[in-house]
PDB file of all heavy atoms in Angstrom:
ATOM      1  N   ARG A   1       0.851  -1.233   0.049  1.00  0.00           N
ATOM      2  CA  ARG A   1       0.051  -0.039   0.023  1.00  0.00           C
ATOM      3  C   ARG A   1       0.874   1.250   0.009  1.00  0.00           C
ATOM      4  O   ARG A   1       1.988   1.230   0.557  1.00  0.00           O
ATOM      5  CB  ARG A   1      -0.837  -0.028   1.269  1.00  0.00           C
ATOM      6  CG  ARG A   1      -2.037  -0.893   1.178  1.00  0.00           C
ATOM      7  CD  ARG A   1      -2.910  -0.663   2.257  1.00  0.00           C
ATOM      8  NE  ARG A   1      -4.199  -1.312   2.059  1.00  0.00           N
ATOM      9  CZ  ARG A   1      -5.132  -1.359   2.907  1.00  0.00           C
ATOM     10  NH1 ARG A   1      -5.033  -0.876   4.050  1.00  0.00           N
ATOM     11  NH2 ARG A   1      -6.371  -1.937   2.642  1.00  0.00           N
ATOM     12  N   PRO A   2       0.467   2.287  -0.586  1.00  0.00           N
ATOM     13  CA  PRO A   2       1.246   3.518  -0.696  1.00  0.00           C
ATOM     14  C   PRO A   2       1.607   4.045   0.720  1.00  0.00           C
ATOM     15  O   PRO A   2       2.769   4.484   0.931  1.00  0.00           O
ATOM     16  CB  PRO A   2       0.333   4.578  -1.268  1.00  0.00           C
ATOM     17  CG  PRO A   2      -0.580   3.789  -2.099  1.00  0.00           C
ATOM     18  CD  PRO A   2      -0.777   2.446  -1.396  1.00  0.00           C
ATOM     19  N   SER A   3       0.807   3.866   1.707  1.00  0.00           N
ATOM     20  CA  SER A   3       1.173   4.382   3.064  1.00  0.00           C
ATOM     21  C   SER A   3       2.233   3.510   3.718  1.00  0.00           C
ATOM     22  O   SER A   3       3.127   4.035   4.391  1.00  0.00           O
ATOM     23  CB  SER A   3      -0.126   4.406   4.043  1.00  0.00           C
ATOM     24  OG  SER A   3      -0.617   3.084   4.070  1.00  0.00           O
ATOM     25  N   HIS A   4       2.289   2.295   3.385  1.00  0.00           N
ATOM     26  CA  HIS A   4       3.273   1.289   3.912  1.00  0.00           C
ATOM     27  C   HIS A   4       4.640   1.677   3.183  1.00  0.00           C
ATOM     28  O   HIS A   4       5.715   1.598   3.840  1.00  0.00           O
ATOM     29  CB  HIS A   4       2.979  -0.081   3.675  1.00  0.00           C
ATOM     30  CG  HIS A   4       1.819  -0.571   4.435  1.00  0.00           C
ATOM     31  ND1 HIS A   4       1.044  -1.682   4.204  1.00  0.00           N
ATOM     32  CD2 HIS A   4       1.273  -0.030   5.598  1.00  0.00           C
ATOM     33  CE1 HIS A   4       0.195  -1.878   5.163  1.00  0.00           C
ATOM     34  NE2 HIS A   4       0.249  -0.916   6.029  1.00  0.00           N
ATOM     35  N   LEU A   5       4.584   1.942   1.978  1.00  0.00           N
ATOM     36  CA  LEU A   5       5.771   2.217   1.114  1.00  0.00           C
ATOM     37  C   LEU A   5       6.397   3.538   1.656  1.00  0.00           C
ATOM     38  O   LEU A   5       7.597   3.673   1.753  1.00  0.00           O
ATOM     39  CB  LEU A   5       5.555   2.309  -0.371  1.00  0.00           C
ATOM     40  CG  LEU A   5       5.149   0.932  -1.034  1.00  0.00           C
ATOM     41  CD1 LEU A   5       4.788   1.105  -2.454  1.00  0.00           C
ATOM     42  CD2 LEU A   5       6.280  -0.074  -0.794  1.00  0.00           C
ATOM     43  N   LEU A   6       5.516   4.486   1.939  1.00  0.00           N
ATOM     44  CA  LEU A   6       5.946   5.814   2.427  1.00  0.00           C
ATOM     45  C   LEU A   6       6.632   5.606   3.823  1.00  0.00           C
ATOM     46  O   LEU A   6       7.671   6.269   4.140  1.00  0.00           O
ATOM     47  CB  LEU A   6       4.792   6.769   2.541  1.00  0.00           C
ATOM     48  CG  LEU A   6       5.104   8.219   2.952  1.00  0.00           C
ATOM     49  CD1 LEU A   6       6.075   8.899   2.098  1.00  0.00           C
ATOM     50  CD2 LEU A   6       3.902   9.016   3.098  1.00  0.00           C
ATOM     51  N   LEU A   7       6.050   4.858   4.666  1.00  0.00           N
ATOM     52  CA  LEU A   7       6.611   4.546   5.981  1.00  0.00           C
ATOM     53  C   LEU A   7       8.015   3.912   5.819  1.00  0.00           C
ATOM     54  O   LEU A   7       8.945   4.226   6.542  1.00  0.00           O
ATOM     55  CB  LEU A   7       5.642   3.602   6.763  1.00  0.00           C
ATOM     56  CG  LEU A   7       5.998   3.407   8.173  1.00  0.00           C
ATOM     57  CD1 LEU A   7       6.086   4.673   9.069  1.00  0.00           C
ATOM     58  CD2 LEU A   7       5.090   2.415   8.800  1.00  0.00           C
ATOM     59  N   LEU A   8       8.088   2.895   4.856  1.00  0.00           N
ATOM     60  CA  LEU A   8       9.337   2.249   4.703  1.00  0.00           C
ATOM     61  C   LEU A   8      10.405   3.211   4.229  1.00  0.00           C
ATOM     62  O   LEU A   8      11.610   3.194   4.568  1.00  0.00           O
ATOM     63  CB  LEU A   8       9.185   1.050   3.707  1.00  0.00           C
ATOM     64  CG  LEU A   8       8.564  -0.182   4.239  1.00  0.00           C
ATOM     65  CD1 LEU A   8       8.419  -1.204   3.108  1.00  0.00           C
ATOM     66  CD2 LEU A   8       9.400  -0.752   5.343  1.00  0.00           C
ATOM     67  N   ALA A   9      10.094   4.121   3.329  1.00  0.00           N
ATOM     68  CA  ALA A   9      10.962   5.179   2.779  1.00  0.00           C
ATOM     69  C   ALA A   9      11.424   6.114   3.862  1.00  0.00           C
ATOM     70  O   ALA A   9      12.600   6.436   3.945  1.00  0.00           O
ATOM     71  CB  ALA A   9      10.329   5.923   1.616  1.00  0.00           C
ATOM     72  N   ILE A  10      10.600   6.549   4.737  1.00  0.00           N
ATOM     73  CA  ILE A  10      10.955   7.404   5.830  1.00  0.00           C
ATOM     74  C   ILE A  10      11.821   6.599   6.784  1.00  0.00           C
ATOM     75  O   ILE A  10      12.838   7.194   7.328  1.00  0.00           O
ATOM     76  CB  ILE A  10       9.668   7.821   6.621  1.00  0.00           C
ATOM     77  CG1 ILE A  10       8.957   8.924   5.638  1.00  0.00           C
ATOM     78  CG2 ILE A  10      10.000   8.615   7.896  1.00  0.00           C
ATOM     79  CD1 ILE A  10       7.593   9.336   6.155  1.00  0.00           C
ATOM     80  N   ALA A  11      11.535   5.436   7.119  1.00  0.00           N
ATOM     81  CA  ALA A  11      12.395   4.625   7.980  1.00  0.00           C
ATOM     82  C   ALA A  11      13.814   4.456   7.446  1.00  0.00           C
ATOM     83  O   ALA A  11      14.782   4.521   8.171  1.00  0.00           O
ATOM     84  CB  ALA A  11      11.823   3.253   8.300  1.00  0.00           C
ATOM     85  N   ALA A  12      13.896   4.165   6.064  1.00  0.00           N
ATOM     86  CA  ALA A  12      15.261   4.049   5.463  1.00  0.00           C
ATOM     87  C   ALA A  12      15.977   5.307   5.487  1.00  0.00           C
ATOM     88  O   ALA A  12      17.220   5.264   5.723  1.00  0.00           O
ATOM     89  CB  ALA A  12      15.011   3.571   4.005  1.00  0.00           C
ATOM     90  N   LEU A  13      15.300   6.403   5.272  1.00  0.00           N
ATOM     91  CA  LEU A  13      15.937   7.737   5.385  1.00  0.00           C
ATOM     92  C   LEU A  13      16.446   7.978   6.738  1.00  0.00           C
ATOM     93  O   LEU A  13      17.617   8.495   6.928  1.00  0.00           O
ATOM     94  CB  LEU A  13      14.859   8.795   4.902  1.00  0.00           C
ATOM     95  CG  LEU A  13      15.470  10.278   4.802  1.00  0.00           C
ATOM     96  CD1 LEU A  13      16.513  10.395   3.770  1.00  0.00           C
ATOM     97  CD2 LEU A  13      14.390  11.223   4.568  1.00  0.00           C
ATOM     98  N   LEU A  14      15.730   7.652   7.758  1.00  0.00           N
ATOM     99  CA  LEU A  14      16.186   7.943   9.092  1.00  0.00           C
ATOM    100  C   LEU A  14      17.201   6.918   9.510  1.00  0.00           C
ATOM    101  O   LEU A  14      18.228   7.333  10.261  1.00  0.00           O
ATOM    102  CB  LEU A  14      14.955   7.800  10.069  1.00  0.00           C
ATOM    103  CG  LEU A  14      13.981   8.839  10.039  1.00  0.00           C
ATOM    104  CD1 LEU A  14      12.827   8.512  10.956  1.00  0.00           C
ATOM    105  CD2 LEU A  14      14.527  10.241  10.474  1.00  0.00           C
ATOM    106  N   LEU A  15      17.220   5.734   8.992  1.00  0.00           N
ATOM    107  CA  LEU A  15      18.173   4.734   9.428  1.00  0.00           C
ATOM    108  C   LEU A  15      19.620   4.966   8.689  1.00  0.00           C
ATOM    109  O   LEU A  15      20.603   4.919   9.381  1.00  0.00           O
ATOM    110  CB  LEU A  15      17.652   3.388   8.950  1.00  0.00           C
ATOM    111  CG  LEU A  15      18.349   2.088   9.661  1.00  0.00           C
ATOM    112  CD1 LEU A  15      18.117   2.131  11.122  1.00  0.00           C
ATOM    113  CD2 LEU A  15      17.841   0.819   8.956  1.00  0.00           C
ATOM    114  N   PHE A  16      19.459   5.200   7.409  1.00  0.00           N
ATOM    115  CA  PHE A  16      20.816   5.370   6.699  1.00  0.00           C
ATOM    116  C   PHE A  16      21.215   6.723   6.322  1.00  0.00           C
ATOM    117  O   PHE A  16      22.414   6.990   6.074  1.00  0.00           O
ATOM    118  CB  PHE A  16      20.661   4.612   5.305  1.00  0.00           C
ATOM    119  CG  PHE A  16      20.401   3.127   5.499  1.00  0.00           C
ATOM    120  CD1 PHE A  16      19.175   2.557   5.109  1.00  0.00           C
ATOM    121  CD2 PHE A  16      21.372   2.331   5.909  1.00  0.00           C
ATOM    122  CE1 PHE A  16      18.952   1.244   5.268  1.00  0.00           C
ATOM    123  CE2 PHE A  16      21.156   0.916   6.118  1.00  0.00           C
ATOM    124  CZ  PHE A  16      19.997   0.455   5.834  1.00  0.00           C
ATOM    125  N   GLY A  17      20.405   7.662   6.417  1.00  0.00           N
ATOM    126  CA  GLY A  17      20.656   9.101   6.173  1.00  0.00           C
ATOM    127  C   GLY A  17      20.550   9.417   4.650  1.00  0.00           C
ATOM    128  O   GLY A  17      20.782   8.578   3.865  1.00  0.00           O
ATOM    129  N   PRO A  18      20.421  10.677   4.387  1.00  0.00           N
ATOM    130  CA  PRO A  18      20.258  11.084   3.017  1.00  0.00           C
ATOM    131  C   PRO A  18      21.533  10.927   2.088  1.00  0.00           C
ATOM    132  O   PRO A  18      21.467  10.677   0.864  1.00  0.00           O
ATOM    133  CB  PRO A  18      19.943  12.535   2.947  1.00  0.00           C
ATOM    134  CG  PRO A  18      20.288  13.022   4.360  1.00  0.00           C
ATOM    135  CD  PRO A  18      20.322  11.861   5.176  1.00  0.00           C
ATOM    136  N   SER A  19      22.674  10.836   2.725  1.00  0.00           N
ATOM    137  CA  SER A  19      23.923  10.738   1.853  1.00  0.00           C
ATOM    138  C   SER A  19      24.214   9.286   1.459  1.00  0.00           C
ATOM    139  O   SER A  19      24.845   9.006   0.513  1.00  0.00           O
ATOM    140  CB  SER A  19      25.102  11.293   2.686  1.00  0.00           C
ATOM    141  OG  SER A  19      25.297  10.596   3.814  1.00  0.00           O
ATOM    142  N   LYS A  20      23.592   8.333   2.236  1.00  0.00           N
ATOM    143  CA  LYS A  20      23.932   6.958   2.051  1.00  0.00           C
ATOM    144  C   LYS A  20      22.888   6.280   1.105  1.00  0.00           C
ATOM    145  O   LYS A  20      23.226   5.263   0.396  1.00  0.00           O
ATOM    146  CB  LYS A  20      23.968   6.137   3.247  1.00  0.00           C
ATOM    147  CG  LYS A  20      25.278   6.108   3.989  1.00  0.00           C
ATOM    148  CD  LYS A  20      26.103   5.220   3.259  1.00  0.00           C
ATOM    149  CE  LYS A  20      27.336   4.722   4.254  1.00  0.00           C
ATOM    150  NZ  LYS A  20      28.315   4.091   3.506  1.00  0.00           N
ATOM    151  N   LEU A  21      21.727   6.799   1.027  1.00  0.00           N
ATOM    152  CA  LEU A  21      20.686   6.242   0.156  1.00  0.00           C
ATOM    153  C   LEU A  21      21.020   6.101  -1.342  1.00  0.00           C
ATOM    154  O   LEU A  21      20.784   5.014  -1.868  1.00  0.00           O
ATOM    155  CB  LEU A  21      19.319   7.023   0.363  1.00  0.00           C
ATOM    156  CG  LEU A  21      18.620   6.705   1.653  1.00  0.00           C
ATOM    157  CD1 LEU A  21      17.326   7.534   1.745  1.00  0.00           C
ATOM    158  CD2 LEU A  21      18.432   5.240   1.863  1.00  0.00           C
ATOM    159  N   PRO A  22      21.639   7.046  -1.985  1.00  0.00           N
ATOM    160  CA  PRO A  22      22.023   6.866  -3.404  1.00  0.00           C
ATOM    161  C   PRO A  22      23.012   5.736  -3.560  1.00  0.00           C
ATOM    162  O   PRO A  22      22.949   4.872  -4.577  1.00  0.00           O
ATOM    163  CB  PRO A  22      22.565   8.154  -3.846  1.00  0.00           C
ATOM    164  CG  PRO A  22      21.956   9.149  -2.948  1.00  0.00           C
ATOM    165  CD  PRO A  22      21.797   8.473  -1.686  1.00  0.00           C
ATOM    166  N   GLU A  23      23.902   5.741  -2.696  1.00  0.00           N
ATOM    167  CA  GLU A  23      24.977   4.612  -2.714  1.00  0.00           C
ATOM    168  C   GLU A  23      24.296   3.208  -2.543  1.00  0.00           C
ATOM    169  O   GLU A  23      24.653   2.324  -3.254  1.00  0.00           O
ATOM    170  CB  GLU A  23      25.989   4.822  -1.707  1.00  0.00           C
ATOM    171  CG  GLU A  23      27.166   3.944  -1.698  1.00  0.00           C
ATOM    172  CD  GLU A  23      28.174   4.187  -0.634  1.00  0.00           C
ATOM    173  OE1 GLU A  23      28.365   5.337  -0.267  1.00  0.00           O
ATOM    174  OE2 GLU A  23      28.720   3.290  -0.102  1.00  0.00           O
ATOM    175  N   LEU A  24      23.382   3.154  -1.546  1.00  0.00           N
ATOM    176  CA  LEU A  24      22.676   1.791  -1.379  1.00  0.00           C
ATOM    177  C   LEU A  24      21.893   1.390  -2.573  1.00  0.00           C
ATOM    178  O   LEU A  24      21.824   0.331  -2.980  1.00  0.00           O
ATOM    179  CB  LEU A  24      21.837   1.931  -0.157  1.00  0.00           C
ATOM    180  CG  LEU A  24      22.606   2.029   1.216  1.00  0.00           C
ATOM    181  CD1 LEU A  24      21.639   2.351   2.409  1.00  0.00           C
ATOM    182  CD2 LEU A  24      23.281   0.655   1.435  1.00  0.00           C
ATOM    183  N   GLY A  25      21.234   2.473  -3.159  1.00  0.00           N
ATOM    184  CA  GLY A  25      20.403   2.240  -4.306  1.00  0.00           C
ATOM    185  C   GLY A  25      21.211   1.672  -5.471  1.00  0.00           C
ATOM    186  O   GLY A  25      20.889   0.809  -6.163  1.00  0.00           O
ATOM    187  N   ARG A  26      22.406   2.372  -5.712  1.00  0.00           N
ATOM    188  CA  ARG A  26      23.388   1.857  -6.761  1.00  0.00           C
ATOM    189  C   ARG A  26      23.864   0.472  -6.566  1.00  0.00           C
ATOM    190  O   ARG A  26      23.831  -0.360  -7.450  1.00  0.00           O
ATOM    191  CB  ARG A  26      24.506   2.823  -6.871  1.00  0.00           C
ATOM    192  CG  ARG A  26      24.569   3.612  -8.085  1.00  0.00           C
ATOM    193  CD  ARG A  26      25.821   4.478  -8.139  1.00  0.00           C
ATOM    194  NE  ARG A  26      25.405   5.874  -7.690  1.00  0.00           N
ATOM    195  CZ  ARG A  26      25.817   6.436  -6.604  1.00  0.00           C
ATOM    196  NH1 ARG A  26      26.681   5.959  -5.808  1.00  0.00           N
ATOM    197  NH2 ARG A  26      25.428   7.589  -6.260  1.00  0.00           N
ATOM    198  N   GLY A  27      24.182   0.100  -5.267  1.00  0.00           N
ATOM    199  CA  GLY A  27      24.609  -1.140  -5.002  1.00  0.00           C
ATOM    200  C   GLY A  27      23.539  -2.220  -5.177  1.00  0.00           C
ATOM    201  O   GLY A  27      23.768  -3.281  -5.576  1.00  0.00           O
ATOM    202  N   PHE A  28      22.266  -1.915  -4.855  1.00  0.00           N
ATOM    203  CA  PHE A  28      21.199  -2.809  -4.992  1.00  0.00           C
ATOM    204  C   PHE A  28      20.951  -3.029  -6.458  1.00  0.00           C
ATOM    205  O   PHE A  28      20.638  -4.196  -6.861  1.00  0.00           O
ATOM    206  CB  PHE A  28      19.982  -2.226  -4.315  1.00  0.00           C
ATOM    207  CG  PHE A  28      18.817  -3.190  -4.382  1.00  0.00           C
ATOM    208  CD1 PHE A  28      18.666  -4.359  -3.619  1.00  0.00           C
ATOM    209  CD2 PHE A  28      17.724  -2.910  -5.222  1.00  0.00           C
ATOM    210  CE1 PHE A  28      17.654  -5.192  -3.741  1.00  0.00           C
ATOM    211  CE2 PHE A  28      16.657  -3.797  -5.355  1.00  0.00           C
ATOM    212  CZ  PHE A  28      16.572  -4.859  -4.432  1.00  0.00           C
ATOM    213  N   GLY A  29      21.007  -1.876  -7.228  1.00  0.00           N
ATOM    214  CA  GLY A  29      20.826  -2.125  -8.689  1.00  0.00           C
ATOM    215  C   GLY A  29      21.837  -2.979  -9.386  1.00  0.00           C
ATOM    216  O   GLY A  29      21.580  -3.771 -10.196  1.00  0.00           O
TER     217      GLY A  29
END
């Protein structure tokens, strides 16, 4: 659900920080 995805995105942002998220996305890709 969109609300669950938004909650997961906010949790990831808080957990890893905005500077690490692009690097994690690249690694996952």
